[in-house]
């Protein structure tokens, strides 16, 4: 169950959210993946639980890394756009189009920053499910994050 590679666009927040939804497929299906890959006690000898848990953990970490990178990249892009809009506003404070664009970009920036918080919740939920099912089979390397 490898992470899904998606082209993330930052200009349109709805497209950005659709890309995040696609990239979060591994998290949405974590319970199913654990049920199909981690054996119960009666099938313990037939499947290498350590290898399957390790592979699932690596897939999760790859997905988290790519999503976090995409979100932070979009935050940087939108922050740059907000800065440019502020500069335009300072040059021409009476231009209503610039003010409207600035408000829209600031709103988009707040939404994308919210995606980082959503990402933490999704990550915590998936890792909790992973730990519950794989704790006896595979111990992931400790991380400082």
C-alpha atoms as a PDB file:
ATOM      1  CA  UNK A   1       0.000   0.000   0.000  1.00  0.00           C
ATOM      2  CA  UNK A   2       2.347   2.685  -1.225  1.00  0.00           C
ATOM      3  CA  UNK A   3       1.719   6.385  -0.874  1.00  0.00           C
ATOM      4  CA  UNK A   4      -0.114   8.021  -3.725  1.00  0.00           C
ATOM      5  CA  UNK A   5       1.868  10.567  -5.738  1.00  0.00           C
ATOM      6  CA  UNK A   6      -0.253  13.560  -6.682  1.00  0.00           C
ATOM      7  CA  UNK A   7       0.482  16.844  -8.400  1.00  0.00           C
ATOM      8  CA  UNK A   8      -0.438  19.465  -5.799  1.00  0.00           C
ATOM      9  CA  UNK A   9      -1.563  22.863  -7.008  1.00  0.00           C
ATOM     10  CA  UNK A  10      -1.507  25.785  -4.603  1.00  0.00           C
ATOM     11  CA  UNK A  11      -3.427  28.372  -6.617  1.00  0.00           C
ATOM     12  CA  UNK A  12      -6.884  26.858  -6.052  1.00  0.00           C
ATOM     13  CA  UNK A  13      -7.618  25.728  -2.491  1.00  0.00           C
ATOM     14  CA  UNK A  14     -10.314  23.263  -3.582  1.00  0.00           C
ATOM     15  CA  UNK A  15      -7.854  21.507  -5.904  1.00  0.00           C
ATOM     16  CA  UNK A  16      -5.314  21.550  -3.077  1.00  0.00           C
ATOM     17  CA  UNK A  17      -7.840  19.871  -0.763  1.00  0.00           C
ATOM     18  CA  UNK A  18      -8.660  17.268  -3.409  1.00  0.00           C
ATOM     19  CA  UNK A  19      -4.956  16.491  -3.749  1.00  0.00           C
ATOM     20  CA  UNK A  20      -4.626  16.154   0.039  1.00  0.00           C
ATOM     21  CA  UNK A  21      -7.637  13.827   0.115  1.00  0.00           C
ATOM     22  CA  UNK A  22      -6.036  11.616  -2.513  1.00  0.00           C
ATOM     23  CA  UNK A  23      -2.708  11.661  -0.678  1.00  0.00           C
ATOM     24  CA  UNK A  24      -4.440  10.699   2.583  1.00  0.00           C
ATOM     25  CA  UNK A  25      -5.880   7.499   1.104  1.00  0.00           C
ATOM     26  CA  UNK A  26      -3.356   5.393   3.040  1.00  0.00           C
ATOM     27  CA  UNK A  27      -4.571   6.935   6.302  1.00  0.00           C
ATOM     28  CA  UNK A  28      -8.217   6.503   5.386  1.00  0.00           C
ATOM     29  CA  UNK A  29      -7.611   2.803   4.753  1.00  0.00           C
ATOM     30  CA  UNK A  30      -5.226   2.129   7.656  1.00  0.00           C
ATOM     31  CA  UNK A  31      -7.628  -0.161   9.547  1.00  0.00           C
ATOM     32  CA  UNK A  32      -8.320  -2.203   6.417  1.00  0.00           C
ATOM     33  CA  UNK A  33      -4.603  -2.404   5.645  1.00  0.00           C
ATOM     34  CA  UNK A  34      -3.817  -3.546   9.175  1.00  0.00           C
ATOM     35  CA  UNK A  35      -6.615  -6.132   9.126  1.00  0.00           C
ATOM     36  CA  UNK A  36      -5.410  -7.593   5.848  1.00  0.00           C
ATOM     37  CA  UNK A  37      -1.672  -7.510   6.522  1.00  0.00           C
ATOM     38  CA  UNK A  38      -1.288  -8.236  10.232  1.00  0.00           C
ATOM     39  CA  UNK A  39      -2.260 -11.809  11.057  1.00  0.00           C
ATOM     40  CA  UNK A  40      -4.425 -12.852  13.944  1.00  0.00           C
ATOM     41  CA  UNK A  41      -3.043 -15.470  16.334  1.00  0.00           C
ATOM     42  CA  UNK A  42      -4.528 -18.322  14.288  1.00  0.00           C
ATOM     43  CA  UNK A  43      -2.631 -17.224  11.143  1.00  0.00           C
ATOM     44  CA  UNK A  44       0.543 -16.028  12.851  1.00  0.00           C
ATOM     45  CA  UNK A  45       2.789 -18.629  11.254  1.00  0.00           C
ATOM     46  CA  UNK A  46       1.614 -18.036   7.687  1.00  0.00           C
ATOM     47  CA  UNK A  47       2.467 -14.324   7.346  1.00  0.00           C
ATOM     48  CA  UNK A  48       5.601 -12.436   8.339  1.00  0.00           C
ATOM     49  CA  UNK A  49       3.963  -9.783  10.531  1.00  0.00           C
ATOM     50  CA  UNK A  50       7.229  -7.979  11.226  1.00  0.00           C
ATOM     51  CA  UNK A  51       7.921  -7.431   7.522  1.00  0.00           C
ATOM     52  CA  UNK A  52       4.363  -6.349   6.727  1.00  0.00           C
ATOM     53  CA  UNK A  53       4.255  -3.927   9.670  1.00  0.00           C
ATOM     54  CA  UNK A  54       7.637  -2.514   8.700  1.00  0.00           C
ATOM     55  CA  UNK A  55       6.517  -2.008   5.089  1.00  0.00           C
ATOM     56  CA  UNK A  56       3.274  -0.331   6.204  1.00  0.00           C
ATOM     57  CA  UNK A  57       5.188   1.940   8.585  1.00  0.00           C
ATOM     58  CA  UNK A  58       7.592   2.957   5.816  1.00  0.00           C
ATOM     59  CA  UNK A  59       4.645   3.686   3.516  1.00  0.00           C
ATOM     60  CA  UNK A  60       3.053   5.829   6.223  1.00  0.00           C
ATOM     61  CA  UNK A  61       6.263   7.771   6.816  1.00  0.00           C
ATOM     62  CA  UNK A  62       6.709   8.374   3.084  1.00  0.00           C
ATOM     63  CA  UNK A  63       3.116   9.624   2.828  1.00  0.00           C
ATOM     64  CA  UNK A  64       3.556  11.931   5.825  1.00  0.00           C
ATOM     65  CA  UNK A  65       6.750  13.374   4.403  1.00  0.00           C
ATOM     66  CA  UNK A  66       5.316  14.055   0.961  1.00  0.00           C
ATOM     67  CA  UNK A  67       2.122  15.611   2.345  1.00  0.00           C
ATOM     68  CA  UNK A  68       3.976  17.817   4.813  1.00  0.00           C
ATOM     69  CA  UNK A  69       6.336  18.939   2.063  1.00  0.00           C
ATOM     70  CA  UNK A  70       3.400  19.756  -0.238  1.00  0.00           C
ATOM     71  CA  UNK A  71       1.546  21.695   2.469  1.00  0.00           C
ATOM     72  CA  UNK A  72       4.611  23.694   3.509  1.00  0.00           C
ATOM     73  CA  UNK A  73       5.461  24.416  -0.123  1.00  0.00           C
ATOM     74  CA  UNK A  74       1.971  25.790  -0.700  1.00  0.00           C
ATOM     75  CA  UNK A  75       2.147  27.858   2.490  1.00  0.00           C
ATOM     76  CA  UNK A  76       5.393  29.394   1.224  1.00  0.00           C
ATOM     77  CA  UNK A  77       3.886  30.126  -2.197  1.00  0.00           C
ATOM     78  CA  UNK A  78       0.753  31.715  -0.774  1.00  0.00           C
ATOM     79  CA  UNK A  79       2.790  33.668   1.806  1.00  0.00           C
ATOM     80  CA  UNK A  80       4.834  35.095  -1.036  1.00  0.00           C
ATOM     81  CA  UNK A  81       1.660  36.063  -2.871  1.00  0.00           C
ATOM     82  CA  UNK A  82       0.297  37.750   0.279  1.00  0.00           C
ATOM     83  CA  UNK A  83       3.546  39.702   0.626  1.00  0.00           C
ATOM     84  CA  UNK A  84       3.319  40.819  -2.999  1.00  0.00           C
ATOM     85  CA  UNK A  85      -0.314  41.867  -2.530  1.00  0.00           C
ATOM     86  CA  UNK A  86       0.634  43.887   0.553  1.00  0.00           C
ATOM     87  CA  UNK A  87       3.323  45.659  -1.435  1.00  0.00           C
ATOM     88  CA  UNK A  88       0.803  46.439  -4.187  1.00  0.00           C
ATOM     89  CA  UNK A  89      -1.669  47.677  -1.576  1.00  0.00           C
ATOM     90  CA  UNK A  90       0.979  49.951  -0.059  1.00  0.00           C
ATOM     91  CA  UNK A  91       1.690  51.435  -3.494  1.00  0.00           C
ATOM     92  CA  UNK A  92      -1.976  51.933  -4.296  1.00  0.00           C
ATOM     93  CA  UNK A  93      -4.162  51.745  -1.146  1.00  0.00           C
ATOM     94  CA  UNK A  94      -7.352  52.809  -2.946  1.00  0.00           C
ATOM     95  CA  UNK A  95      -7.291  49.947  -5.481  1.00  0.00           C
ATOM     96  CA  UNK A  96     -10.223  47.735  -4.456  1.00  0.00           C
ATOM     97  CA  UNK A  97      -9.118  44.857  -6.684  1.00  0.00           C
ATOM     98  CA  UNK A  98      -5.804  44.644  -4.855  1.00  0.00           C
ATOM     99  CA  UNK A  99      -7.541  44.781  -1.466  1.00  0.00           C
ATOM    100  CA  UNK A 100      -9.936  42.013  -2.489  1.00  0.00           C
ATOM    101  CA  UNK A 101      -7.108  39.875  -3.825  1.00  0.00           C
ATOM    102  CA  UNK A 102      -5.131  40.433  -0.605  1.00  0.00           C
ATOM    103  CA  UNK A 103      -8.070  39.319   1.548  1.00  0.00           C
ATOM    104  CA  UNK A 104      -8.604  36.238  -0.617  1.00  0.00           C
ATOM    105  CA  UNK A 105      -4.930  35.279  -0.444  1.00  0.00           C
ATOM    106  CA  UNK A 106      -4.813  35.832   3.324  1.00  0.00           C
ATOM    107  CA  UNK A 107      -7.860  33.583   3.703  1.00  0.00           C
ATOM    108  CA  UNK A 108      -6.243  30.910   1.534  1.00  0.00           C
ATOM    109  CA  UNK A 109      -3.079  31.155   3.645  1.00  0.00           C
ATOM    110  CA  UNK A 110      -5.056  30.578   6.855  1.00  0.00           C
ATOM    111  CA  UNK A 111      -6.798  27.580   5.297  1.00  0.00           C
ATOM    112  CA  UNK A 112      -3.480  26.050   4.244  1.00  0.00           C
ATOM    113  CA  UNK A 113      -2.014  26.637   7.689  1.00  0.00           C
ATOM    114  CA  UNK A 114      -5.055  24.801   9.035  1.00  0.00           C
ATOM    115  CA  UNK A 115      -4.111  21.857   6.820  1.00  0.00           C
ATOM    116  CA  UNK A 116      -0.948  21.419   8.902  1.00  0.00           C
ATOM    117  CA  UNK A 117      -3.108  20.972  12.013  1.00  0.00           C
ATOM    118  CA  UNK A 118      -5.377  18.559  10.157  1.00  0.00           C
ATOM    119  CA  UNK A 119      -2.302  16.636   9.043  1.00  0.00           C
ATOM    120  CA  UNK A 120      -1.209  16.210  12.671  1.00  0.00           C
ATOM    121  CA  UNK A 121      -4.618  14.809  13.644  1.00  0.00           C
ATOM    122  CA  UNK A 122      -4.621  12.374  10.696  1.00  0.00           C
ATOM    123  CA  UNK A 123      -1.066  11.306  11.473  1.00  0.00           C
ATOM    124  CA  UNK A 124      -1.797  10.743  15.176  1.00  0.00           C
ATOM    125  CA  UNK A 125      -4.895   8.663  14.395  1.00  0.00           C
ATOM    126  CA  UNK A 126      -3.081   6.466  11.907  1.00  0.00           C
ATOM    127  CA  UNK A 127      -0.047   5.942  14.104  1.00  0.00           C
ATOM    128  CA  UNK A 128      -2.280   5.027  17.032  1.00  0.00           C
ATOM    129  CA  UNK A 129      -4.026   2.372  14.932  1.00  0.00           C
ATOM    130  CA  UNK A 130      -0.656   1.159  13.645  1.00  0.00           C
ATOM    131  CA  UNK A 131       0.750   0.894  17.172  1.00  0.00           C
ATOM    132  CA  UNK A 132      -2.292  -0.987  18.440  1.00  0.00           C
ATOM    133  CA  UNK A 133      -1.954  -3.684  15.786  1.00  0.00           C
ATOM    134  CA  UNK A 134       1.800  -3.821  15.161  1.00  0.00           C
ATOM    135  CA  UNK A 135       3.307  -3.150  18.591  1.00  0.00           C
ATOM    136  CA  UNK A 136       4.017  -6.854  19.151  1.00  0.00           C
ATOM    137  CA  UNK A 137       5.539  -7.357  15.705  1.00  0.00           C
ATOM    138  CA  UNK A 138       7.527  -4.250  14.789  1.00  0.00           C
ATOM    139  CA  UNK A 139       9.021  -1.398  16.774  1.00  0.00           C
ATOM    140  CA  UNK A 140       9.611   1.657  14.576  1.00  0.00           C
ATOM    141  CA  UNK A 141      12.808   3.636  15.035  1.00  0.00           C
ATOM    142  CA  UNK A 142      12.351   6.435  17.546  1.00  0.00           C
ATOM    143  CA  UNK A 143      11.803   9.907  16.102  1.00  0.00           C
ATOM    144  CA  UNK A 144      12.139  13.302  17.678  1.00  0.00           C
ATOM    145  CA  UNK A 145       9.073  14.823  15.984  1.00  0.00           C
END
